[in-house]
Amino acid sequence: MDLAHLYVTFLSAEPRQIDFEIIRQKQTEGEEFTLINKSVYLYCPHGFGKIKLTNTFIENKLQVRATTRNWKTTNELLLIAENL
């Protein structure tokens, strides 16, 4: 797995209802979607700009506010938080 194609979508709350079938219908070949608590891990081998599982799509389908960051930025933010 190329970490340059890994993204994390941070959710404001755990989703109450999830229709995984609608999410699977939007995925293209090679894309992976994993939901763990309040985080969605997206693997986008063709680039984030080409996916249909956008931040807006995730917010609408999961009914929570969300923000998405790439893996590198996520780790840099973690380092900053650890040094506070």
PDB file of N, CA and C in Angstrom:
ATOM      1  N   MET A   1       0.854  -1.185   0.000  1.00  0.00           N
ATOM      2  CA  MET A   1       0.000   0.000   0.000  1.00  0.00           C
ATOM      3  C   MET A   1       0.894   1.241   0.000  1.00  0.00           C
ATOM      4  N   ASP A   2       0.642   2.114  -0.932  1.00  0.00           N
ATOM      5  CA  ASP A   2       1.379   3.371  -1.038  1.00  0.00           C
ATOM      6  C   ASP A   2       0.714   4.396  -0.122  1.00  0.00           C
ATOM      7  N   LEU A   3       1.398   4.803   0.943  1.00  0.00           N
ATOM      8  CA  LEU A   3       0.818   5.732   1.918  1.00  0.00           C
ATOM      9  C   LEU A   3       0.509   7.102   1.320  1.00  0.00           C
ATOM     10  N   ALA A   4       1.065   7.409   0.169  1.00  0.00           N
ATOM     11  CA  ALA A   4       0.751   8.678  -0.495  1.00  0.00           C
ATOM     12  C   ALA A   4      -0.695   8.718  -0.967  1.00  0.00           C
ATOM     13  N   HIS A   5      -1.344   7.561  -1.006  1.00  0.00           N
ATOM     14  CA  HIS A   5      -2.738   7.480  -1.462  1.00  0.00           C
ATOM     15  C   HIS A   5      -3.701   7.169  -0.324  1.00  0.00           C
ATOM     16  N   LEU A   6      -3.226   7.319   0.909  1.00  0.00           N
ATOM     17  CA  LEU A   6      -4.055   7.045   2.079  1.00  0.00           C
ATOM     18  C   LEU A   6      -4.543   8.359   2.677  1.00  0.00           C
ATOM     19  N   TYR A   7      -5.826   8.416   3.002  1.00  0.00           N
ATOM     20  CA  TYR A   7      -6.466   9.602   3.567  1.00  0.00           C
ATOM     21  C   TYR A   7      -7.282   9.207   4.788  1.00  0.00           C
ATOM     22  N   VAL A   8      -7.434  10.161   5.703  1.00  0.00           N
ATOM     23  CA  VAL A   8      -8.263   9.938   6.883  1.00  0.00           C
ATOM     24  C   VAL A   8      -9.328  11.024   6.914  1.00  0.00           C
ATOM     25  N   THR A   9     -10.572  10.604   7.045  1.00  0.00           N
ATOM     26  CA  THR A   9     -11.674  11.535   7.215  1.00  0.00           C
ATOM     27  C   THR A   9     -12.086  11.472   8.677  1.00  0.00           C
ATOM     28  N   PHE A  10     -11.928  12.605   9.360  1.00  0.00           N
ATOM     29  CA  PHE A  10     -12.280  12.701  10.775  1.00  0.00           C
ATOM     30  C   PHE A  10     -13.731  13.145  10.874  1.00  0.00           C
ATOM     31  N   LEU A  11     -14.528  12.378  11.607  1.00  0.00           N
ATOM     32  CA  LEU A  11     -15.954  12.649  11.754  1.00  0.00           C
ATOM     33  C   LEU A  11     -16.229  13.353  13.071  1.00  0.00           C
ATOM     34  N   SER A  12     -17.214  14.237  13.094  1.00  0.00           N
ATOM     35  CA  SER A  12     -17.556  14.974  14.317  1.00  0.00           C
ATOM     36  C   SER A  12     -18.237  14.079  15.353  1.00  0.00           C
ATOM     37  N   ALA A  13     -18.784  12.954  14.909  1.00  0.00           N
ATOM     38  CA  ALA A  13     -19.455  11.998  15.801  1.00  0.00           C
ATOM     39  C   ALA A  13     -19.496  10.646  15.097  1.00  0.00           C
ATOM     40  N   GLU A  14     -19.744   9.601  15.873  1.00  0.00           N
ATOM     41  CA  GLU A  14     -19.912   8.294  15.257  1.00  0.00           C
ATOM     42  C   GLU A  14     -21.243   8.274  14.515  1.00  0.00           C
ATOM     43  N   PRO A  15     -21.256   7.804  13.284  1.00  0.00           N
ATOM     44  CA  PRO A  15     -22.507   7.752  12.528  1.00  0.00           C
ATOM     45  C   PRO A  15     -23.492   6.784  13.172  1.00  0.00           C
ATOM     46  N   ARG A  16     -24.757   7.157  13.143  1.00  0.00           N
ATOM     47  CA  ARG A  16     -25.796   6.310  13.735  1.00  0.00           C
ATOM     48  C   ARG A  16     -26.241   5.215  12.780  1.00  0.00           C
ATOM     49  N   GLN A  17     -26.398   5.579  11.520  1.00  0.00           N
ATOM     50  CA  GLN A  17     -26.814   4.606  10.513  1.00  0.00           C
ATOM     51  C   GLN A  17     -25.875   4.712   9.326  1.00  0.00           C
ATOM     52  N   ILE A  18     -25.491   3.561   8.805  1.00  0.00           N
ATOM     53  CA  ILE A  18     -24.565   3.542   7.682  1.00  0.00           C
ATOM     54  C   ILE A  18     -25.115   2.602   6.617  1.00  0.00           C
ATOM     55  N   ASP A  19     -25.271   3.120   5.421  1.00  0.00           N
ATOM     56  CA  ASP A  19     -25.692   2.301   4.292  1.00  0.00           C
ATOM     57  C   ASP A  19     -24.435   1.973   3.477  1.00  0.00           C
ATOM     58  N   PHE A  20     -23.795   0.872   3.841  1.00  0.00           N
ATOM     59  CA  PHE A  20     -22.544   0.500   3.186  1.00  0.00           C
ATOM     60  C   PHE A  20     -22.741   0.188   1.710  1.00  0.00           C
ATOM     61  N   GLU A  21     -23.935  -0.211   1.317  1.00  0.00           N
ATOM     62  CA  GLU A  21     -24.179  -0.526  -0.093  1.00  0.00           C
ATOM     63  C   GLU A  21     -24.047   0.729  -0.960  1.00  0.00           C
ATOM     64  N   ILE A  22     -24.575   1.846  -0.508  1.00  0.00           N
ATOM     65  CA  ILE A  22     -24.447   3.106  -1.259  1.00  0.00           C
ATOM     66  C   ILE A  22     -22.978   3.499  -1.370  1.00  0.00           C
ATOM     67  N   ILE A  23     -22.230   3.303  -0.296  1.00  0.00           N
ATOM     68  CA  ILE A  23     -20.796   3.624  -0.316  1.00  0.00           C
ATOM     69  C   ILE A  23     -20.074   2.711  -1.299  1.00  0.00           C
ATOM     70  N   ARG A  24     -20.354   1.424  -1.259  1.00  0.00           N
ATOM     71  CA  ARG A  24     -19.709   0.471  -2.182  1.00  0.00           C
ATOM     72  C   ARG A  24     -20.024   0.807  -3.645  1.00  0.00           C
ATOM     73  N   GLN A  25     -21.228   1.307  -3.902  1.00  0.00           N
ATOM     74  CA  GLN A  25     -21.603   1.653  -5.272  1.00  0.00           C
ATOM     75  C   GLN A  25     -20.769   2.813  -5.810  1.00  0.00           C
ATOM     76  N   LYS A  26     -20.279   3.671  -4.937  1.00  0.00           N
ATOM     77  CA  LYS A  26     -19.482   4.826  -5.352  1.00  0.00           C
ATOM     78  C   LYS A  26     -17.999   4.494  -5.514  1.00  0.00           C
ATOM     79  N   GLN A  27     -17.561   3.397  -4.914  1.00  0.00           N
ATOM     80  CA  GLN A  27     -16.160   3.016  -4.994  1.00  0.00           C
ATOM     81  C   GLN A  27     -15.801   2.562  -6.403  1.00  0.00           C
ATOM     82  N   THR A  28     -14.577   2.877  -6.807  1.00  0.00           N
ATOM     83  CA  THR A  28     -14.065   2.355  -8.064  1.00  0.00           C
ATOM     84  C   THR A  28     -13.007   1.301  -7.746  1.00  0.00           C
ATOM     85  N   GLU A  29     -12.563   0.619  -8.754  1.00  0.00           N
ATOM     86  CA  GLU A  29     -11.619  -0.485  -8.572  1.00  0.00           C
ATOM     87  C   GLU A  29     -10.370  -0.030  -7.821  1.00  0.00           C
ATOM     88  N   GLY A  30     -10.029  -0.770  -6.785  1.00  0.00           N
ATOM     89  CA  GLY A  30      -8.828  -0.489  -6.007  1.00  0.00           C
ATOM     90  C   GLY A  30      -9.046   0.402  -4.803  1.00  0.00           C
ATOM     91  N   GLU A  31     -10.149   1.138  -4.767  1.00  0.00           N
ATOM     92  CA  GLU A  31     -10.418   2.012  -3.625  1.00  0.00           C
ATOM     93  C   GLU A  31     -10.878   1.190  -2.427  1.00  0.00           C
ATOM     94  N   GLU A  32     -10.458   1.624  -1.259  1.00  0.00           N
ATOM     95  CA  GLU A  32     -10.873   0.961  -0.030  1.00  0.00           C
ATOM     96  C   GLU A  32     -11.439   1.992   0.934  1.00  0.00           C
ATOM     97  N   PHE A  33     -12.451   1.595   1.685  1.00  0.00           N
ATOM     98  CA  PHE A  33     -13.163   2.448   2.640  1.00  0.00           C
ATOM     99  C   PHE A  33     -13.295   1.649   3.930  1.00  0.00           C
ATOM    100  N   THR A  34     -12.736   2.171   5.018  1.00  0.00           N
ATOM    101  CA  THR A  34     -12.856   1.509   6.310  1.00  0.00           C
ATOM    102  C   THR A  34     -13.296   2.530   7.341  1.00  0.00           C
ATOM    103  N   LEU A  35     -14.342   2.221   8.070  1.00  0.00           N
ATOM    104  CA  LEU A  35     -14.855   3.095   9.129  1.00  0.00           C
ATOM    105  C   LEU A  35     -14.497   2.486  10.477  1.00  0.00           C
ATOM    106  N   ILE A  36     -13.787   3.259  11.295  1.00  0.00           N
ATOM    107  CA  ILE A  36     -13.443   2.835  12.651  1.00  0.00           C
ATOM    108  C   ILE A  36     -13.797   3.984  13.586  1.00  0.00           C
ATOM    109  N   ASN A  37     -14.812   3.759  14.407  1.00  0.00           N
ATOM    110  CA  ASN A  37     -15.302   4.765  15.356  1.00  0.00           C
ATOM    111  C   ASN A  37     -15.640   6.070  14.645  1.00  0.00           C
ATOM    112  N   LYS A  38     -14.837   7.109  14.842  1.00  0.00           N
ATOM    113  CA  LYS A  38     -15.108   8.421  14.244  1.00  0.00           C
ATOM    114  C   LYS A  38     -14.119   8.764  13.139  1.00  0.00           C
ATOM    115  N   SER A  39     -13.549   7.743  12.513  1.00  0.00           N
ATOM    116  CA  SER A  39     -12.578   7.967  11.436  1.00  0.00           C
ATOM    117  C   SER A  39     -12.883   7.059  10.252  1.00  0.00           C
ATOM    118  N   VAL A  40     -12.750   7.623   9.068  1.00  0.00           N
ATOM    119  CA  VAL A  40     -12.874   6.863   7.837  1.00  0.00           C
ATOM    120  C   VAL A  40     -11.493   6.850   7.192  1.00  0.00           C
ATOM    121  N   TYR A  41     -11.016   5.664   6.888  1.00  0.00           N
ATOM    122  CA  TYR A  41      -9.733   5.512   6.200  1.00  0.00           C
ATOM    123  C   TYR A  41     -10.035   5.216   4.744  1.00  0.00           C
ATOM    124  N   LEU A  42      -9.489   6.052   3.871  1.00  0.00           N
ATOM    125  CA  LEU A  42      -9.718   5.917   2.437  1.00  0.00           C
ATOM    126  C   LEU A  42      -8.399   5.631   1.739  1.00  0.00           C
ATOM    127  N   TYR A  43      -8.387   4.597   0.946  1.00  0.00           N
ATOM    128  CA  TYR A  43      -7.227   4.337   0.096  1.00  0.00           C
ATOM    129  C   TYR A  43      -7.651   4.615  -1.332  1.00  0.00           C
ATOM    130  N   CYS A  44      -6.967   5.558  -1.958  1.00  0.00           N
ATOM    131  CA  CYS A  44      -7.342   6.037  -3.293  1.00  0.00           C
ATOM    132  C   CYS A  44      -6.157   5.869  -4.240  1.00  0.00           C
ATOM    133  N   PRO A  45      -5.958   4.693  -4.819  1.00  0.00           N
ATOM    134  CA  PRO A  45      -4.772   4.457  -5.645  1.00  0.00           C
ATOM    135  C   PRO A  45      -4.715   5.301  -6.919  1.00  0.00           C
ATOM    136  N   HIS A  46      -5.856   5.853  -7.341  1.00  0.00           N
ATOM    137  CA  HIS A  46      -5.895   6.677  -8.556  1.00  0.00           C
ATOM    138  C   HIS A  46      -5.880   8.172  -8.233  1.00  0.00           C
ATOM    139  N   GLY A  47      -5.733   8.507  -6.939  1.00  0.00           N
ATOM    140  CA  GLY A  47      -5.688   9.905  -6.514  1.00  0.00           C
ATOM    141  C   GLY A  47      -6.991  10.354  -5.882  1.00  0.00           C
ATOM    142  N   PHE A  48      -6.878  11.190  -4.866  1.00  0.00           N
ATOM    143  CA  PHE A  48      -8.058  11.664  -4.139  1.00  0.00           C
ATOM    144  C   PHE A  48      -8.943  12.534  -5.021  1.00  0.00           C
ATOM    145  N   GLY A  49      -8.364  13.257  -5.943  1.00  0.00           N
ATOM    146  CA  GLY A  49      -9.129  14.140  -6.815  1.00  0.00           C
ATOM    147  C   GLY A  49     -10.063  13.413  -7.768  1.00  0.00           C
ATOM    148  N   LYS A  50      -9.875  12.102  -7.903  1.00  0.00           N
ATOM    149  CA  LYS A  50     -10.686  11.328  -8.846  1.00  0.00           C
ATOM    150  C   LYS A  50     -11.754  10.476  -8.168  1.00  0.00           C
ATOM    151  N   ILE A  51     -11.797  10.470  -6.834  1.00  0.00           N
ATOM    152  CA  ILE A  51     -12.749   9.602  -6.150  1.00  0.00           C
ATOM    153  C   ILE A  51     -14.134  10.232  -6.072  1.00  0.00           C
ATOM    154  N   LYS A  52     -15.126   9.377  -5.883  1.00  0.00           N
ATOM    155  CA  LYS A  52     -16.496   9.843  -5.681  1.00  0.00           C
ATOM    156  C   LYS A  52     -16.856   9.839  -4.203  1.00  0.00           C
ATOM    157  N   LEU A  53     -15.979   9.251  -3.379  1.00  0.00           N
ATOM    158  CA  LEU A  53     -16.195   9.227  -1.926  1.00  0.00           C
ATOM    159  C   LEU A  53     -15.618  10.509  -1.322  1.00  0.00           C
ATOM    160  N   THR A  54     -16.131  11.623  -1.772  1.00  0.00           N
ATOM    161  CA  THR A  54     -15.630  12.928  -1.340  1.00  0.00           C
ATOM    162  C   THR A  54     -16.059  13.234   0.093  1.00  0.00           C
ATOM    163  N   ASN A  55     -15.467  14.257   0.651  1.00  0.00           N
ATOM    164  CA  ASN A  55     -15.831  14.694   1.993  1.00  0.00           C
ATOM    165  C   ASN A  55     -17.325  15.026   2.063  1.00  0.00           C
ATOM    166  N   THR A  56     -17.835  15.718   1.063  1.00  0.00           N
ATOM    167  CA  THR A  56     -19.252  16.078   1.026  1.00  0.00           C
ATOM    168  C   THR A  56     -20.136  14.837   0.952  1.00  0.00           C
ATOM    169  N   PHE A  57     -19.755  13.872   0.125  1.00  0.00           N
ATOM    170  CA  PHE A  57     -20.510  12.619   0.023  1.00  0.00           C
ATOM    171  C   PHE A  57     -20.555  11.920   1.378  1.00  0.00           C
ATOM    172  N   ILE A  58     -19.413  11.826   2.040  1.00  0.00           N
ATOM    173  CA  ILE A  58     -19.343  11.165   3.351  1.00  0.00           C
ATOM    174  C   ILE A  58     -20.214  11.899   4.367  1.00  0.00           C
ATOM    175  N   GLU A  59     -20.131  13.226   4.398  1.00  0.00           N
ATOM    176  CA  GLU A  59     -20.974  13.992   5.320  1.00  0.00           C
ATOM    177  C   GLU A  59     -22.452  13.728   5.063  1.00  0.00           C
ATOM    178  N   ASN A  60     -22.852  13.739   3.816  1.00  0.00           N
ATOM    179  CA  ASN A  60     -24.264  13.535   3.472  1.00  0.00           C
ATOM    180  C   ASN A  60     -24.752  12.134   3.813  1.00  0.00           C
ATOM    181  N   LYS A  61     -23.969  11.135   3.501  1.00  0.00           N
ATOM    182  CA  LYS A  61     -24.401   9.750   3.715  1.00  0.00           C
ATOM    183  C   LYS A  61     -24.316   9.319   5.176  1.00  0.00           C
ATOM    184  N   LEU A  62     -23.345   9.841   5.922  1.00  0.00           N
ATOM    185  CA  LEU A  62     -23.196   9.459   7.325  1.00  0.00           C
ATOM    186  C   LEU A  62     -23.889  10.438   8.276  1.00  0.00           C
ATOM    187  N   GLN A  63     -24.353  11.563   7.737  1.00  0.00           N
ATOM    188  CA  GLN A  63     -25.070  12.581   8.514  1.00  0.00           C
ATOM    189  C   GLN A  63     -24.237  13.120   9.680  1.00  0.00           C
ATOM    190  N   VAL A  64     -22.959  13.364   9.413  1.00  0.00           N
ATOM    191  CA  VAL A  64     -22.060  13.992  10.387  1.00  0.00           C
ATOM    192  C   VAL A  64     -21.133  14.929   9.630  1.00  0.00           C
ATOM    193  N   ARG A  65     -20.600  15.921  10.337  1.00  0.00           N
ATOM    194  CA  ARG A  65     -19.616  16.816   9.727  1.00  0.00           C
ATOM    195  C   ARG A  65     -18.292  16.076   9.661  1.00  0.00           C
ATOM    196  N   ALA A  66     -17.483  16.412   8.649  1.00  0.00           N
ATOM    197  CA  ALA A  66     -16.236  15.685   8.442  1.00  0.00           C
ATOM    198  C   ALA A  66     -15.170  16.576   7.826  1.00  0.00           C
ATOM    199  N   THR A  67     -13.924  16.179   8.029  1.00  0.00           N
ATOM    200  CA  THR A  67     -12.796  16.827   7.366  1.00  0.00           C
ATOM    201  C   THR A  67     -11.807  15.738   6.981  1.00  0.00           C
ATOM    202  N   THR A  68     -11.231  15.860   5.800  1.00  0.00           N
ATOM    203  CA  THR A  68     -10.333  14.831   5.282  1.00  0.00           C
ATOM    204  C   THR A  68      -8.930  15.388   5.129  1.00  0.00           C
ATOM    205  N   ARG A  69      -7.948  14.575   5.539  1.00  0.00           N
ATOM    206  CA  ARG A  69      -6.537  14.933   5.421  1.00  0.00           C
ATOM    207  C   ARG A  69      -5.765  13.737   4.883  1.00  0.00           C
ATOM    208  N   ASN A  70      -4.675  14.020   4.167  1.00  0.00           N
ATOM    209  CA  ASN A  70      -3.855  12.912   3.698  1.00  0.00           C
ATOM    210  C   ASN A  70      -3.037  12.359   4.864  1.00  0.00           C
ATOM    211  N   TRP A  71      -2.461  11.192   4.665  1.00  0.00           N
ATOM    212  CA  TRP A  71      -1.754  10.494   5.741  1.00  0.00           C
ATOM    213  C   TRP A  71      -0.572  11.299   6.260  1.00  0.00           C
ATOM    214  N   LYS A  72       0.166  11.942   5.368  1.00  0.00           N
ATOM    215  CA  LYS A  72       1.337  12.739   5.770  1.00  0.00           C
ATOM    216  C   LYS A  72       0.905  13.887   6.678  1.00  0.00           C
ATOM    217  N   THR A  73      -0.116  14.615   6.288  1.00  0.00           N
ATOM    218  CA  THR A  73      -0.610  15.726   7.100  1.00  0.00           C
ATOM    219  C   THR A  73      -1.151  15.231   8.431  1.00  0.00           C
ATOM    220  N   THR A  74      -1.851  14.112   8.417  1.00  0.00           N
ATOM    221  CA  THR A  74      -2.386  13.540   9.653  1.00  0.00           C
ATOM    222  C   THR A  74      -1.262  13.258  10.646  1.00  0.00           C
ATOM    223  N   ASN A  75      -0.177  12.687  10.170  1.00  0.00           N
ATOM    224  CA  ASN A  75       0.952  12.392  11.050  1.00  0.00           C
ATOM    225  C   ASN A  75       1.666  13.648  11.520  1.00  0.00           C
ATOM    226  N   GLU A  76       1.750  14.665  10.670  1.00  0.00           N
ATOM    227  CA  GLU A  76       2.358  15.935  11.081  1.00  0.00           C
ATOM    228  C   GLU A  76       1.514  16.612  12.165  1.00  0.00           C
ATOM    229  N   LEU A  77       0.180  16.561  12.026  1.00  0.00           N
ATOM    230  CA  LEU A  77      -0.700  17.127  13.046  1.00  0.00           C
ATOM    231  C   LEU A  77      -0.568  16.368  14.365  1.00  0.00           C
ATOM    232  N   LEU A  78      -0.381  15.068  14.295  1.00  0.00           N
ATOM    233  CA  LEU A  78      -0.176  14.274  15.495  1.00  0.00           C
ATOM    234  C   LEU A  78       1.114  14.688  16.215  1.00  0.00           C
ATOM    235  N   LEU A  79       2.172  14.901  15.471  1.00  0.00           N
ATOM    236  CA  LEU A  79       3.432  15.348  16.069  1.00  0.00           C
ATOM    237  C   LEU A  79       3.274  16.703  16.751  1.00  0.00           C
ATOM    238  N   ILE A  80       2.576  17.616  16.106  1.00  0.00           N
ATOM    239  CA  ILE A  80       2.335  18.934  16.700  1.00  0.00           C
ATOM    240  C   ILE A  80       1.544  18.786  17.998  1.00  0.00           C
ATOM    241  N   ALA A  81       0.511  17.980  17.978  1.00  0.00           N
ATOM    242  CA  ALA A  81      -0.330  17.788  19.177  1.00  0.00           C
ATOM    243  C   ALA A  81       0.467  17.144  20.306  1.00  0.00           C
ATOM    244  N   GLU A  82       1.337  16.226  19.993  1.00  0.00           N
ATOM    245  CA  GLU A  82       2.142  15.580  21.013  1.00  0.00           C
ATOM    246  C   GLU A  82       3.144  16.526  21.657  1.00  0.00           C
ATOM    247  N   ASN A  83       3.526  17.565  20.939  1.00  0.00           N
ATOM    248  CA  ASN A  83       4.506  18.533  21.463  1.00  0.00           C
ATOM    249  C   ASN A  83       3.886  19.719  22.172  1.00  0.00           C
ATOM    250  N   LEU A  84       2.580  19.755  22.270  1.00  0.00           N
ATOM    251  CA  LEU A  84       1.911  20.864  22.976  1.00  0.00           C
ATOM    252  C   LEU A  84       2.058  20.715  24.469  1.00  0.00           C
TER     253      LEU A  84
END
